[in-house]
Protein backbone atom coordinates (compact mmCIF):
# COMPACT_ATOMS: atom_id res chain seq x y z
CA UNK A 1 0.00 0.00 0.00
CA UNK A 2 2.71 2.48 0.97
CA UNK A 3 4.69 1.81 -2.23
CA UNK A 4 1.64 2.66 -4.37
CA UNK A 5 1.15 5.91 -2.44
CA UNK A 6 4.85 6.68 -2.80
CA UNK A 7 4.82 6.16 -6.59
CA UNK A 8 1.65 8.28 -6.87
CA UNK A 9 3.29 11.06 -4.83
CA UNK A 10 6.41 11.01 -6.99
CA UNK A 11 4.25 11.20 -10.13
CA UNK A 12 2.33 14.18 -8.74
CA UNK A 13 5.57 15.85 -7.68
CA UNK A 14 7.22 15.43 -11.09
CA UNK A 15 4.09 16.72 -12.81
CA UNK A 16 4.07 19.74 -10.51
CA UNK A 17 7.76 20.44 -11.17
CA UNK A 18 7.24 20.31 -14.94
CA UNK A 19 4.17 22.54 -14.73
CA UNK A 20 6.11 24.97 -12.54
CA UNK A 21 8.96 25.15 -15.08
CA UNK A 22 6.53 25.78 -17.93
CA UNK A 23 4.75 28.49 -15.92
CA UNK A 24 8.07 30.15 -15.06
CA UNK A 25 9.12 30.13 -18.72
CA UNK A 26 5.79 31.60 -19.83
CA UNK A 27 5.99 34.27 -17.13
CA UNK A 28 9.53 35.16 -18.19
CA UNK A 29 8.44 35.44 -21.84
CA UNK A 30 5.54 37.72 -20.87
CA UNK A 31 7.83 39.95 -18.81
CA UNK A 32 10.34 40.19 -21.68
CA UNK A 33 7.61 41.04 -24.22
CA UNK A 34 6.11 43.61 -21.86
CA UNK A 35 9.46 45.32 -21.25
CA UNK A 36 10.17 45.37 -24.99
CA UNK A 37 6.79 47.02 -25.63
CA UNK A 38 7.65 49.54 -22.93
CA UNK A 39 10.89 50.41 -24.74
CA UNK A 40 9.13 51.15 -28.03
CA UNK A 41 6.64 53.58 -26.49
PDB file of N, CA and C in Angstrom:
ATOM      1  N   UNK A   1       0.833  -1.210   0.000  1.00  0.00           N
ATOM      2  CA  UNK A   1       0.000   0.000   0.000  1.00  0.00           C
ATOM      3  C   UNK A   1       0.866   1.259   0.000  1.00  0.00           C
ATOM      4  N   UNK A   2       1.887   1.279   0.861  1.00  0.00           N
ATOM      5  CA  UNK A   2       2.710   2.483   0.974  1.00  0.00           C
ATOM      6  C   UNK A   2       3.517   2.717  -0.306  1.00  0.00           C
ATOM      7  N   UNK A   3       3.906   1.639  -1.001  1.00  0.00           N
ATOM      8  CA  UNK A   3       4.687   1.807  -2.233  1.00  0.00           C
ATOM      9  C   UNK A   3       3.823   2.430  -3.327  1.00  0.00           C
ATOM     10  N   UNK A   4       2.541   2.075  -3.382  1.00  0.00           N
ATOM     11  CA  UNK A   4       1.637   2.664  -4.371  1.00  0.00           C
ATOM     12  C   UNK A   4       1.468   4.150  -4.095  1.00  0.00           C
ATOM     13  N   UNK A   5       1.295   4.495  -2.819  1.00  0.00           N
ATOM     14  CA  UNK A   5       1.149   5.908  -2.442  1.00  0.00           C
ATOM     15  C   UNK A   5       2.428   6.671  -2.776  1.00  0.00           C
ATOM     16  N   UNK A   6       3.568   6.023  -2.545  1.00  0.00           N
ATOM     17  CA  UNK A   6       4.848   6.679  -2.805  1.00  0.00           C
ATOM     18  C   UNK A   6       5.023   6.954  -4.301  1.00  0.00           C
ATOM     19  N   UNK A   7       4.678   5.974  -5.141  1.00  0.00           N
ATOM     20  CA  UNK A   7       4.817   6.165  -6.587  1.00  0.00           C
ATOM     21  C   UNK A   7       3.844   7.242  -7.069  1.00  0.00           C
ATOM     22  N   UNK A   8       2.638   7.260  -6.501  1.00  0.00           N
ATOM     23  CA  UNK A   8       1.650   8.282  -6.870  1.00  0.00           C
ATOM     24  C   UNK A   8       2.163   9.665  -6.482  1.00  0.00           C
ATOM     25  N   UNK A   9       2.756   9.766  -5.297  1.00  0.00           N
ATOM     26  CA  UNK A   9       3.291  11.056  -4.833  1.00  0.00           C
ATOM     27  C   UNK A   9       4.416  11.532  -5.743  1.00  0.00           C
ATOM     28  N   UNK A  10       5.291  10.614  -6.130  1.00  0.00           N
ATOM     29  CA  UNK A  10       6.408  11.008  -6.994  1.00  0.00           C
ATOM     30  C   UNK A  10       5.894  11.456  -8.355  1.00  0.00           C
ATOM     31  N   UNK A  11       4.835  10.794  -8.853  1.00  0.00           N
ATOM     32  CA  UNK A  11       4.246  11.201 -10.131  1.00  0.00           C
ATOM     33  C   UNK A  11       3.670  12.608 -10.021  1.00  0.00           C
ATOM     34  N   UNK A  12       2.924  12.859  -8.949  1.00  0.00           N
ATOM     35  CA  UNK A  12       2.327  14.184  -8.744  1.00  0.00           C
ATOM     36  C   UNK A  12       3.426  15.235  -8.617  1.00  0.00           C
ATOM     37  N   UNK A  13       4.480  14.902  -7.894  1.00  0.00           N
ATOM     38  CA  UNK A  13       5.567  15.847  -7.682  1.00  0.00           C
ATOM     39  C   UNK A  13       6.261  16.185  -9.001  1.00  0.00           C
ATOM     40  N   UNK A  14       6.545  15.174  -9.812  1.00  0.00           N
ATOM     41  CA  UNK A  14       7.225  15.432 -11.085  1.00  0.00           C
ATOM     42  C   UNK A  14       6.330  16.248 -12.009  1.00  0.00           C
ATOM     43  N   UNK A  15       5.034  15.953 -11.990  1.00  0.00           N
ATOM     44  CA  UNK A  15       4.092  16.724 -12.814  1.00  0.00           C
ATOM     45  C   UNK A  15       4.076  18.178 -12.367  1.00  0.00           C
ATOM     46  N   UNK A  16       4.082  18.387 -11.049  1.00  0.00           N
ATOM     47  CA  UNK A  16       4.066  19.736 -10.505  1.00  0.00           C
ATOM     48  C   UNK A  16       5.336  20.491 -10.887  1.00  0.00           C
ATOM     49  N   UNK A  17       6.483  19.799 -10.833  1.00  0.00           N
ATOM     50  CA  UNK A  17       7.760  20.443 -11.169  1.00  0.00           C
ATOM     51  C   UNK A  17       7.762  20.871 -12.638  1.00  0.00           C
ATOM     52  N   UNK A  18       7.278  19.980 -13.518  1.00  0.00           N
ATOM     53  CA  UNK A  18       7.239  20.308 -14.944  1.00  0.00           C
ATOM     54  C   UNK A  18       6.307  21.491 -15.187  1.00  0.00           C
ATOM     55  N   UNK A  19       5.130  21.454 -14.556  1.00  0.00           N
ATOM     56  CA  UNK A  19       4.169  22.541 -14.728  1.00  0.00           C
ATOM     57  C   UNK A  19       4.763  23.856 -14.218  1.00  0.00           C
ATOM     58  N   UNK A  20       5.501  23.774 -13.111  1.00  0.00           N
ATOM     59  CA  UNK A  20       6.109  24.972 -12.542  1.00  0.00           C
ATOM     60  C   UNK A  20       7.152  25.554 -13.496  1.00  0.00           C
ATOM     61  N   UNK A  21       7.956  24.676 -14.118  1.00  0.00           N
ATOM     62  CA  UNK A  21       8.958  25.151 -15.076  1.00  0.00           C
ATOM     63  C   UNK A  21       8.304  25.833 -16.261  1.00  0.00           C
ATOM     64  N   UNK A  22       7.233  25.207 -16.772  1.00  0.00           N
ATOM     65  CA  UNK A  22       6.527  25.778 -17.926  1.00  0.00           C
ATOM     66  C   UNK A  22       5.947  27.139 -17.556  1.00  0.00           C
ATOM     67  N   UNK A  23       5.347  27.226 -16.367  1.00  0.00           N
ATOM     68  CA  UNK A  23       4.750  28.487 -15.920  1.00  0.00           C
ATOM     69  C   UNK A  23       5.828  29.562 -15.781  1.00  0.00           C
ATOM     70  N   UNK A  24       6.980  29.182 -15.227  1.00  0.00           N
ATOM     71  CA  UNK A  24       8.066  30.153 -15.063  1.00  0.00           C
ATOM     72  C   UNK A  24       8.543  30.659 -16.416  1.00  0.00           C
ATOM     73  N   UNK A  25       8.653  29.740 -17.388  1.00  0.00           N
ATOM     74  CA  UNK A  25       9.119  30.126 -18.718  1.00  0.00           C
ATOM     75  C   UNK A  25       8.122  31.069 -19.384  1.00  0.00           C
ATOM     76  N   UNK A  26       6.826  30.740 -19.254  1.00  0.00           N
ATOM     77  CA  UNK A  26       5.786  31.598 -19.833  1.00  0.00           C
ATOM     78  C   UNK A  26       5.808  32.973 -19.179  1.00  0.00           C
ATOM     79  N   UNK A  27       5.960  33.004 -17.863  1.00  0.00           N
ATOM     80  CA  UNK A  27       5.989  34.272 -17.130  1.00  0.00           C
ATOM     81  C   UNK A  27       7.176  35.112 -17.583  1.00  0.00           C
ATOM     82  N   UNK A  28       8.330  34.458 -17.754  1.00  0.00           N
ATOM     83  CA  UNK A  28       9.529  35.163 -18.187  1.00  0.00           C
ATOM     84  C   UNK A  28       9.314  35.754 -19.575  1.00  0.00           C
ATOM     85  N   UNK A  29       8.699  34.959 -20.485  1.00  0.00           N
ATOM     86  CA  UNK A  29       8.441  35.436 -21.838  1.00  0.00           C
ATOM     87  C   UNK A  29       7.522  36.653 -21.814  1.00  0.00           C
ATOM     88  N   UNK A  30       6.484  36.605 -20.976  1.00  0.00           N
ATOM     89  CA  UNK A  30       5.542  37.719 -20.873  1.00  0.00           C
ATOM     90  C   UNK A  30       6.255  38.969 -20.365  1.00  0.00           C
ATOM     91  N   UNK A  31       7.106  38.805 -19.377  1.00  0.00           N
ATOM     92  CA  UNK A  31       7.832  39.948 -18.814  1.00  0.00           C
ATOM     93  C   UNK A  31       8.746  40.554 -19.870  1.00  0.00           C
ATOM     94  N   UNK A  32       9.430  39.696 -20.646  1.00  0.00           N
ATOM     95  CA  UNK A  32      10.340  40.190 -21.681  1.00  0.00           C
ATOM     96  C   UNK A  32       9.557  40.944 -22.749  1.00  0.00           C
ATOM     97  N   UNK A  33       8.425  40.374 -23.196  1.00  0.00           N
ATOM     98  CA  UNK A  33       7.613  41.036 -24.216  1.00  0.00           C
ATOM     99  C   UNK A  33       7.088  42.368 -23.699  1.00  0.00           C
ATOM    100  N   UNK A  34       6.660  42.388 -22.439  1.00  0.00           N
ATOM    101  CA  UNK A  34       6.112  43.614 -21.856  1.00  0.00           C
ATOM    102  C   UNK A  34       7.187  44.696 -21.787  1.00  0.00           C
ATOM    103  N   UNK A  35       8.398  44.326 -21.373  1.00  0.00           N
ATOM    104  CA  UNK A  35       9.464  45.316 -21.249  1.00  0.00           C
ATOM    105  C   UNK A  35       9.885  45.820 -22.624  1.00  0.00           C
ATOM    106  N   UNK A  36       9.831  44.938 -23.638  1.00  0.00           N
ATOM    107  CA  UNK A  36      10.174  45.373 -24.989  1.00  0.00           C
ATOM    108  C   UNK A  36       9.135  46.362 -25.505  1.00  0.00           C
ATOM    109  N   UNK A  37       7.845  46.091 -25.226  1.00  0.00           N
ATOM    110  CA  UNK A  37       6.793  47.022 -25.632  1.00  0.00           C
ATOM    111  C   UNK A  37       6.996  48.364 -24.940  1.00  0.00           C
ATOM    112  N   UNK A  38       7.425  48.319 -23.691  1.00  0.00           N
ATOM    113  CA  UNK A  38       7.655  49.543 -22.926  1.00  0.00           C
ATOM    114  C   UNK A  38       8.760  50.380 -23.581  1.00  0.00           C
ATOM    115  N   UNK A  39       9.773  49.694 -24.125  1.00  0.00           N
ATOM    116  CA  UNK A  39      10.887  50.409 -24.740  1.00  0.00           C
ATOM    117  C   UNK A  39      10.438  51.171 -25.992  1.00  0.00           C
ATOM    118  N   UNK A  40       9.527  50.560 -26.753  1.00  0.00           N
ATOM    119  CA  UNK A  40       9.131  51.154 -28.028  1.00  0.00           C
ATOM    120  C   UNK A  40       8.142  52.311 -27.881  1.00  0.00           C
ATOM    121  N   UNK A  41       7.638  52.527 -26.677  1.00  0.00           N
ATOM    122  CA  UNK A  41       6.637  53.580 -26.493  1.00  0.00           C
ATOM    123  C   UNK A  41       7.218  54.975 -26.679  1.00  0.00           C
TER     124      UNK A  41
END
